[in-house]
């Protein structure tokens, strides 16, 4: 995956960082036997995915490769090995 720059975007890094912090918070509160803090950490973990998705929708994620068609229209290229 290193050749495709998978996950090397601001949206990916931000979403994963927020999710990891949420898992750490949930794990700490689980050890302390505090259910409210555990669920707050789980909400934070899910929020990381939502934030990453929103940032990708705003254009901060990986852009899809495009090429010009014969008539000047944008054509989305299929990944190598994809069946048509």
PDB file of N, CA and C in Angstrom:
ATOM      1  N   UNK A   1       0.808  -1.195   0.000  1.00  0.00           N
ATOM      2  CA  UNK A   1       0.000   0.000   0.000  1.00  0.00           C
ATOM      3  C   UNK A   1       0.852   1.261   0.000  1.00  0.00           C
ATOM      4  N   UNK A   2       2.124   1.152   0.234  1.00  0.00           N
ATOM      5  CA  UNK A   2       2.951   2.350   0.287  1.00  0.00           C
ATOM      6  C   UNK A   2       3.014   3.049  -1.059  1.00  0.00           C
ATOM      7  N   UNK A   3       2.913   2.304  -2.153  1.00  0.00           N
ATOM      8  CA  UNK A   3       2.981   2.902  -3.471  1.00  0.00           C
ATOM      9  C   UNK A   3       1.742   3.688  -3.848  1.00  0.00           C
ATOM     10  N   UNK A   4       0.618   3.443  -3.165  1.00  0.00           N
ATOM     11  CA  UNK A   4      -0.623   4.138  -3.495  1.00  0.00           C
ATOM     12  C   UNK A   4      -0.902   5.293  -2.557  1.00  0.00           C
ATOM     13  N   UNK A   5      -0.019   5.581  -1.647  1.00  0.00           N
ATOM     14  CA  UNK A   5      -0.168   6.621  -0.626  1.00  0.00           C
ATOM     15  C   UNK A   5      -1.468   6.464   0.157  1.00  0.00           C
ATOM     16  N   UNK A   6      -1.810   5.224   0.465  1.00  0.00           N
ATOM     17  CA  UNK A   6      -3.020   4.911   1.216  1.00  0.00           C
ATOM     18  C   UNK A   6      -2.916   5.472   2.634  1.00  0.00           C
ATOM     19  N   UNK A   7      -3.841   6.340   3.000  1.00  0.00           N
ATOM     20  CA  UNK A   7      -3.886   6.877   4.348  1.00  0.00           C
ATOM     21  C   UNK A   7      -2.959   8.037   4.625  1.00  0.00           C
ATOM     22  N   UNK A   8      -2.274   8.526   3.626  1.00  0.00           N
ATOM     23  CA  UNK A   8      -1.336   9.633   3.831  1.00  0.00           C
ATOM     24  C   UNK A   8      -2.022  10.969   3.561  1.00  0.00           C
ATOM     25  N   UNK A   9      -3.135  11.220   4.251  1.00  0.00           N
ATOM     26  CA  UNK A   9      -3.859  12.475   4.069  1.00  0.00           C
ATOM     27  C   UNK A   9      -4.174  13.068   5.440  1.00  0.00           C
ATOM     28  N   UNK A  10      -4.478  14.338   5.447  1.00  0.00           N
ATOM     29  CA  UNK A  10      -4.829  15.014   6.689  1.00  0.00           C
ATOM     30  C   UNK A  10      -6.094  14.417   7.287  1.00  0.00           C
ATOM     31  N   UNK A  11      -7.061  14.060   6.451  1.00  0.00           N
ATOM     32  CA  UNK A  11      -8.309  13.469   6.939  1.00  0.00           C
ATOM     33  C   UNK A  11      -8.046  12.130   7.632  1.00  0.00           C
ATOM     34  N   UNK A  12      -7.203  11.303   7.037  1.00  0.00           N
ATOM     35  CA  UNK A  12      -6.908   9.995   7.620  1.00  0.00           C
ATOM     36  C   UNK A  12      -6.162  10.128   8.951  1.00  0.00           C
ATOM     37  N   UNK A  13      -5.146  10.970   8.974  1.00  0.00           N
ATOM     38  CA  UNK A  13      -4.366  11.140  10.199  1.00  0.00           C
ATOM     39  C   UNK A  13      -5.215  11.711  11.335  1.00  0.00           C
ATOM     40  N   UNK A  14      -6.054  12.678  11.029  1.00  0.00           N
ATOM     41  CA  UNK A  14      -6.888  13.290  12.060  1.00  0.00           C
ATOM     42  C   UNK A  14      -7.904  12.293  12.606  1.00  0.00           C
ATOM     43  N   UNK A  15      -8.587  11.585  11.715  1.00  0.00           N
ATOM     44  CA  UNK A  15      -9.582  10.608  12.151  1.00  0.00           C
ATOM     45  C   UNK A  15      -8.983   9.496  12.996  1.00  0.00           C
ATOM     46  N   UNK A  16      -7.850   8.976  12.574  1.00  0.00           N
ATOM     47  CA  UNK A  16      -7.200   7.895  13.326  1.00  0.00           C
ATOM     48  C   UNK A  16      -6.693   8.395  14.674  1.00  0.00           C
ATOM     49  N   UNK A  17      -6.134   9.599  14.719  1.00  0.00           N
ATOM     50  CA  UNK A  17      -5.635  10.144  15.988  1.00  0.00           C
ATOM     51  C   UNK A  17      -6.763  10.317  16.994  1.00  0.00           C
ATOM     52  N   UNK A  18      -7.893  10.867  16.557  1.00  0.00           N
ATOM     53  CA  UNK A  18      -9.035  11.034  17.461  1.00  0.00           C
ATOM     54  C   UNK A  18      -9.544   9.677  17.933  1.00  0.00           C
ATOM     55  N   UNK A  19      -9.601   8.693  17.037  1.00  0.00           N
ATOM     56  CA  UNK A  19     -10.067   7.359  17.415  1.00  0.00           C
ATOM     57  C   UNK A  19      -9.135   6.689  18.418  1.00  0.00           C
ATOM     58  N   UNK A  20      -7.838   6.837  18.223  1.00  0.00           N
ATOM     59  CA  UNK A  20      -6.880   6.236  19.163  1.00  0.00           C
ATOM     60  C   UNK A  20      -7.014   6.872  20.544  1.00  0.00           C
ATOM     61  N   UNK A  21      -7.171   8.183  20.587  1.00  0.00           N
ATOM     62  CA  UNK A  21      -7.372   8.852  21.877  1.00  0.00           C
ATOM     63  C   UNK A  21      -8.646   8.338  22.538  1.00  0.00           C
ATOM     64  N   UNK A  22      -9.701   8.163  21.752  1.00  0.00           N
ATOM     65  CA  UNK A  22     -10.952   7.631  22.294  1.00  0.00           C
ATOM     66  C   UNK A  22     -10.789   6.226  22.859  1.00  0.00           C
ATOM     67  N   UNK A  23     -10.054   5.360  22.148  1.00  0.00           N
ATOM     68  CA  UNK A  23      -9.819   4.009  22.653  1.00  0.00           C
ATOM     69  C   UNK A  23      -8.999   4.037  23.937  1.00  0.00           C
ATOM     70  N   UNK A  24      -8.023   4.930  24.025  1.00  0.00           N
ATOM     71  CA  UNK A  24      -7.220   5.046  25.255  1.00  0.00           C
ATOM     72  C   UNK A  24      -8.085   5.521  26.426  1.00  0.00           C
ATOM     73  N   UNK A  25      -8.953   6.499  26.171  1.00  0.00           N
ATOM     74  CA  UNK A  25      -9.851   6.988  27.218  1.00  0.00           C
ATOM     75  C   UNK A  25     -10.788   5.871  27.662  1.00  0.00           C
ATOM     76  N   UNK A  26     -11.365   5.158  26.695  1.00  0.00           N
ATOM     77  CA  UNK A  26     -12.282   4.062  27.037  1.00  0.00           C
ATOM     78  C   UNK A  26     -11.563   2.970  27.825  1.00  0.00           C
ATOM     79  N   UNK A  27     -10.345   2.644  27.421  1.00  0.00           N
ATOM     80  CA  UNK A  27      -9.590   1.614  28.129  1.00  0.00           C
ATOM     81  C   UNK A  27      -9.244   2.020  29.552  1.00  0.00           C
ATOM     82  N   UNK A  28      -8.858   3.277  29.750  1.00  0.00           N
ATOM     83  CA  UNK A  28      -8.521   3.747  31.091  1.00  0.00           C
ATOM     84  C   UNK A  28      -9.740   3.708  32.008  1.00  0.00           C
ATOM     85  N   UNK A  29     -10.877   4.173  31.500  1.00  0.00           N
ATOM     86  CA  UNK A  29     -12.081   4.174  32.332  1.00  0.00           C
ATOM     87  C   UNK A  29     -12.626   2.768  32.546  1.00  0.00           C
ATOM     88  N   UNK A  30     -12.356   1.842  31.618  1.00  0.00           N
ATOM     89  CA  UNK A  30     -12.782   0.465  31.823  1.00  0.00           C
ATOM     90  C   UNK A  30     -11.996  -0.147  32.992  1.00  0.00           C
ATOM     91  N   UNK A  31     -10.707   0.145  33.062  1.00  0.00           N
ATOM     92  CA  UNK A  31      -9.887  -0.363  34.164  1.00  0.00           C
ATOM     93  C   UNK A  31     -10.331   0.247  35.495  1.00  0.00           C
ATOM     94  N   UNK A  32     -10.748   1.520  35.458  1.00  0.00           N
ATOM     95  CA  UNK A  32     -11.203   2.192  36.676  1.00  0.00           C
ATOM     96  C   UNK A  32     -12.655   1.857  37.020  1.00  0.00           C
ATOM     97  N   UNK A  33     -13.299   1.020  36.219  1.00  0.00           N
ATOM     98  CA  UNK A  33     -14.689   0.599  36.428  1.00  0.00           C
ATOM     99  C   UNK A  33     -15.644   1.788  36.466  1.00  0.00           C
ATOM    100  N   UNK A  34     -15.476   2.706  35.526  1.00  0.00           N
ATOM    101  CA  UNK A  34     -16.351   3.870  35.389  1.00  0.00           C
ATOM    102  C   UNK A  34     -17.068   3.784  34.047  1.00  0.00           C
ATOM    103  N   UNK A  35     -18.302   3.270  34.037  1.00  0.00           N
ATOM    104  CA  UNK A  35     -19.009   3.065  32.759  1.00  0.00           C
ATOM    105  C   UNK A  35     -19.243   4.354  31.968  1.00  0.00           C
ATOM    106  N   UNK A  36     -19.518   5.456  32.637  1.00  0.00           N
ATOM    107  CA  UNK A  36     -19.782   6.701  31.931  1.00  0.00           C
ATOM    108  C   UNK A  36     -18.546   7.170  31.152  1.00  0.00           C
ATOM    109  N   UNK A  37     -17.389   7.091  31.767  1.00  0.00           N
ATOM    110  CA  UNK A  37     -16.150   7.466  31.085  1.00  0.00           C
ATOM    111  C   UNK A  37     -15.817   6.520  29.949  1.00  0.00           C
ATOM    112  N   UNK A  38     -16.125   5.214  30.142  1.00  0.00           N
ATOM    113  CA  UNK A  38     -15.902   4.235  29.080  1.00  0.00           C
ATOM    114  C   UNK A  38     -16.726   4.596  27.842  1.00  0.00           C
ATOM    115  N   UNK A  39     -18.010   4.872  28.052  1.00  0.00           N
ATOM    116  CA  UNK A  39     -18.879   5.186  26.918  1.00  0.00           C
ATOM    117  C   UNK A  39     -18.525   6.529  26.280  1.00  0.00           C
ATOM    118  N   UNK A  40     -18.022   7.455  27.075  1.00  0.00           N
ATOM    119  CA  UNK A  40     -17.551   8.725  26.508  1.00  0.00           C
ATOM    120  C   UNK A  40     -16.363   8.470  25.579  1.00  0.00           C
ATOM    121  N   UNK A  41     -15.465   7.577  25.972  1.00  0.00           N
ATOM    122  CA  UNK A  41     -14.334   7.213  25.123  1.00  0.00           C
ATOM    123  C   UNK A  41     -14.774   6.515  23.850  1.00  0.00           C
ATOM    124  N   UNK A  42     -15.796   5.666  23.953  1.00  0.00           N
ATOM    125  CA  UNK A  42     -16.305   4.991  22.765  1.00  0.00           C
ATOM    126  C   UNK A  42     -16.960   5.979  21.803  1.00  0.00           C
ATOM    127  N   UNK A  43     -17.669   6.959  22.347  1.00  0.00           N
ATOM    128  CA  UNK A  43     -18.266   8.002  21.502  1.00  0.00           C
ATOM    129  C   UNK A  43     -17.158   8.788  20.800  1.00  0.00           C
ATOM    130  N   UNK A  44     -16.086   9.069  21.522  1.00  0.00           N
ATOM    131  CA  UNK A  44     -14.954   9.777  20.939  1.00  0.00           C
ATOM    132  C   UNK A  44     -14.315   8.957  19.815  1.00  0.00           C
ATOM    133  N   UNK A  45     -14.256   7.643  19.990  1.00  0.00           N
ATOM    134  CA  UNK A  45     -13.707   6.779  18.949  1.00  0.00           C
ATOM    135  C   UNK A  45     -14.538   6.834  17.678  1.00  0.00           C
ATOM    136  N   UNK A  46     -15.841   6.776  17.814  1.00  0.00           N
ATOM    137  CA  UNK A  46     -16.729   6.864  16.650  1.00  0.00           C
ATOM    138  C   UNK A  46     -16.643   8.256  16.028  1.00  0.00           C
ATOM    139  N   UNK A  47     -16.512   9.260  16.865  1.00  0.00           N
ATOM    140  CA  UNK A  47     -16.403  10.638  16.381  1.00  0.00           C
ATOM    141  C   UNK A  47     -15.172  10.807  15.488  1.00  0.00           C
ATOM    142  N   UNK A  48     -14.103  10.080  15.781  1.00  0.00           N
ATOM    143  CA  UNK A  48     -12.912  10.137  14.936  1.00  0.00           C
ATOM    144  C   UNK A  48     -13.206   9.709  13.509  1.00  0.00           C
ATOM    145  N   UNK A  49     -13.995   8.650  13.349  1.00  0.00           N
ATOM    146  CA  UNK A  49     -14.376   8.207  12.011  1.00  0.00           C
ATOM    147  C   UNK A  49     -15.247   9.213  11.299  1.00  0.00           C
ATOM    148  N   UNK A  50     -16.160   9.822  12.039  1.00  0.00           N
ATOM    149  CA  UNK A  50     -17.049  10.832  11.453  1.00  0.00           C
ATOM    150  C   UNK A  50     -16.246  12.060  11.025  1.00  0.00           C
ATOM    151  N   UNK A  51     -15.321  12.503  11.872  1.00  0.00           N
ATOM    152  CA  UNK A  51     -14.493  13.665  11.536  1.00  0.00           C
ATOM    153  C   UNK A  51     -13.641  13.369  10.301  1.00  0.00           C
ATOM    154  N   UNK A  52     -13.050  12.177  10.231  1.00  0.00           N
ATOM    155  CA  UNK A  52     -12.257  11.804   9.062  1.00  0.00           C
ATOM    156  C   UNK A  52     -13.086  11.786   7.791  1.00  0.00           C
ATOM    157  N   UNK A  53     -14.304  11.274   7.878  1.00  0.00           N
ATOM    158  CA  UNK A  53     -15.198  11.219   6.717  1.00  0.00           C
ATOM    159  C   UNK A  53     -15.587  12.624   6.261  1.00  0.00           C
ATOM    160  N   UNK A  54     -15.898  13.493   7.222  1.00  0.00           N
ATOM    161  CA  UNK A  54     -16.270  14.873   6.876  1.00  0.00           C
ATOM    162  C   UNK A  54     -15.086  15.603   6.243  1.00  0.00           C
ATOM    163  N   UNK A  55     -13.889  15.414   6.800  1.00  0.00           N
ATOM    164  CA  UNK A  55     -12.716  16.074   6.236  1.00  0.00           C
ATOM    165  C   UNK A  55     -12.425  15.571   4.822  1.00  0.00           C
ATOM    166  N   UNK A  56     -12.631  14.271   4.592  1.00  0.00           N
ATOM    167  CA  UNK A  56     -12.429  13.730   3.245  1.00  0.00           C
ATOM    168  C   UNK A  56     -13.459  14.313   2.280  1.00  0.00           C
ATOM    169  N   UNK A  57     -14.694  14.498   2.754  1.00  0.00           N
ATOM    170  CA  UNK A  57     -15.732  15.095   1.912  1.00  0.00           C
ATOM    171  C   UNK A  57     -15.421  16.556   1.605  1.00  0.00           C
ATOM    172  N   UNK A  58     -14.681  17.216   2.490  1.00  0.00           N
ATOM    173  CA  UNK A  58     -14.297  18.610   2.276  1.00  0.00           C
ATOM    174  C   UNK A  58     -13.100  18.739   1.329  1.00  0.00           C
ATOM    175  N   UNK A  59     -12.546  17.611   0.911  1.00  0.00           N
ATOM    176  CA  UNK A  59     -11.433  17.644  -0.024  1.00  0.00           C
ATOM    177  C   UNK A  59     -10.079  17.431   0.603  1.00  0.00           C
ATOM    178  N   UNK A  60     -10.030  17.068   1.873  1.00  0.00           N
ATOM    179  CA  UNK A  60      -8.750  16.863   2.548  1.00  0.00           C
ATOM    180  C   UNK A  60      -8.311  15.405   2.539  1.00  0.00           C
ATOM    181  N   UNK A  61      -9.063  14.550   1.847  1.00  0.00           N
ATOM    182  CA  UNK A  61      -8.713  13.140   1.716  1.00  0.00           C
ATOM    183  C   UNK A  61      -8.009  12.889   0.396  1.00  0.00           C
ATOM    184  N   UNK A  62      -7.834  11.618   0.058  1.00  0.00           N
ATOM    185  CA  UNK A  62      -7.178  11.257  -1.190  1.00  0.00           C
ATOM    186  C   UNK A  62      -8.106  11.555  -2.366  1.00  0.00           C
ATOM    187  N   UNK A  63      -7.579  12.233  -3.360  1.00  0.00           N
ATOM    188  CA  UNK A  63      -8.359  12.579  -4.547  1.00  0.00           C
ATOM    189  C   UNK A  63      -8.374  11.401  -5.509  1.00  0.00           C
ATOM    190  N   UNK A  64      -9.508  11.198  -6.184  1.00  0.00           N
ATOM    191  CA  UNK A  64      -9.622  10.135  -7.180  1.00  0.00           C
ATOM    192  C   UNK A  64      -8.902  10.580  -8.453  1.00  0.00           C
ATOM    193  N   UNK A  65      -8.107   9.686  -9.041  1.00  0.00           N
ATOM    194  CA  UNK A  65      -7.397  10.071 -10.267  1.00  0.00           C
ATOM    195  C   UNK A  65      -8.377  10.252 -11.421  1.00  0.00           C
ATOM    196  N   UNK A  66      -8.214  11.322 -12.169  1.00  0.00           N
ATOM    197  CA  UNK A  66      -9.073  11.582 -13.317  1.00  0.00           C
ATOM    198  C   UNK A  66      -8.206  11.875 -14.528  1.00  0.00           C
ATOM    199  N   UNK A  67      -8.790  11.725 -15.690  1.00  0.00           N
ATOM    200  CA  UNK A  67      -8.108  12.029 -16.933  1.00  0.00           C
ATOM    201  C   UNK A  67      -9.117  12.661 -17.883  1.00  0.00           C
ATOM    202  N   UNK A  68      -8.632  13.373 -18.857  1.00  0.00           N
ATOM    203  CA  UNK A  68      -9.523  14.009 -19.829  1.00  0.00           C
ATOM    204  C   UNK A  68      -9.968  12.985 -20.870  1.00  0.00           C
ATOM    205  N   UNK A  69     -11.259  12.959 -21.158  1.00  0.00           N
ATOM    206  CA  UNK A  69     -11.789  12.104 -22.214  1.00  0.00           C
ATOM    207  C   UNK A  69     -11.614  12.771 -23.566  1.00  0.00           C
ATOM    208  N   UNK A  70     -12.061  12.119 -24.620  1.00  0.00           N
ATOM    209  CA  UNK A  70     -11.920  12.656 -25.977  1.00  0.00           C
ATOM    210  C   UNK A  70     -12.670  13.967 -26.162  1.00  0.00           C
ATOM    211  N   UNK A  71     -13.800  14.093 -25.525  1.00  0.00           N
ATOM    212  CA  UNK A  71     -14.635  15.276 -25.703  1.00  0.00           C
ATOM    213  C   UNK A  71     -14.340  16.344 -24.650  1.00  0.00           C
ATOM    214  N   UNK A  72     -13.298  16.142 -23.843  1.00  0.00           N
ATOM    215  CA  UNK A  72     -12.978  17.105 -22.811  1.00  0.00           C
ATOM    216  C   UNK A  72     -13.692  16.858 -21.487  1.00  0.00           C
ATOM    217  N   UNK A  73     -14.433  15.730 -21.391  1.00  0.00           N
ATOM    218  CA  UNK A  73     -15.145  15.395 -20.166  1.00  0.00           C
ATOM    219  C   UNK A  73     -14.193  14.727 -19.187  1.00  0.00           C
ATOM    220  N   UNK A  74     -14.466  14.922 -17.886  1.00  0.00           N
ATOM    221  CA  UNK A  74     -13.672  14.248 -16.861  1.00  0.00           C
ATOM    222  C   UNK A  74     -14.061  12.777 -16.831  1.00  0.00           C
ATOM    223  N   UNK A  75     -13.079  11.892 -16.846  1.00  0.00           N
ATOM    224  CA  UNK A  75     -13.310  10.450 -16.816  1.00  0.00           C
ATOM    225  C   UNK A  75     -12.570   9.898 -15.613  1.00  0.00           C
ATOM    226  N   UNK A  76     -13.284   9.175 -14.746  1.00  0.00           N
ATOM    227  CA  UNK A  76     -12.643   8.564 -13.585  1.00  0.00           C
ATOM    228  C   UNK A  76     -11.980   7.265 -14.017  1.00  0.00           C
ATOM    229  N   UNK A  77     -10.718   7.113 -13.666  1.00  0.00           N
ATOM    230  CA  UNK A  77      -9.982   5.909 -14.040  1.00  0.00           C
ATOM    231  C   UNK A  77     -10.248   4.798 -13.054  1.00  0.00           C
ATOM    232  N   UNK A  78     -10.335   3.583 -13.570  1.00  0.00           N
ATOM    233  CA  UNK A  78     -10.521   2.400 -12.733  1.00  0.00           C
ATOM    234  C   UNK A  78      -9.155   1.947 -12.204  1.00  0.00           C
ATOM    235  N   UNK A  79      -9.113   1.403 -10.966  1.00  0.00           N
ATOM    236  CA  UNK A  79      -7.859   0.890 -10.442  1.00  0.00           C
ATOM    237  C   UNK A  79      -7.364  -0.307 -11.279  1.00  0.00           C
ATOM    238  N   UNK A  80      -6.080  -0.543 -11.282  1.00  0.00           N
ATOM    239  CA  UNK A  80      -5.517  -1.647 -12.028  1.00  0.00           C
ATOM    240  C   UNK A  80      -6.091  -2.967 -11.529  1.00  0.00           C
ATOM    241  N   UNK A  81      -6.469  -3.821 -12.441  1.00  0.00           N
ATOM    242  CA  UNK A  81      -6.989  -5.133 -12.084  1.00  0.00           C
ATOM    243  C   UNK A  81      -8.477  -5.151 -11.785  1.00  0.00           C
ATOM    244  N   UNK A  82      -9.157  -4.032 -11.907  1.00  0.00           N
ATOM    245  CA  UNK A  82     -10.599  -3.970 -11.627  1.00  0.00           C
ATOM    246  C   UNK A  82     -11.358  -4.519 -12.824  1.00  0.00           C
ATOM    247  N   UNK A  83     -12.378  -5.300 -12.534  1.00  0.00           N
ATOM    248  CA  UNK A  83     -13.227  -5.855 -13.576  1.00  0.00           C
ATOM    249  C   UNK A  83     -14.249  -4.822 -14.009  1.00  0.00           C
ATOM    250  N   UNK A  84     -14.502  -4.705 -15.287  1.00  0.00           N
ATOM    251  CA  UNK A  84     -15.511  -3.750 -15.786  1.00  0.00           C
ATOM    252  C   UNK A  84     -16.864  -4.402 -15.887  1.00  0.00           C
TER     253      UNK A  84
END
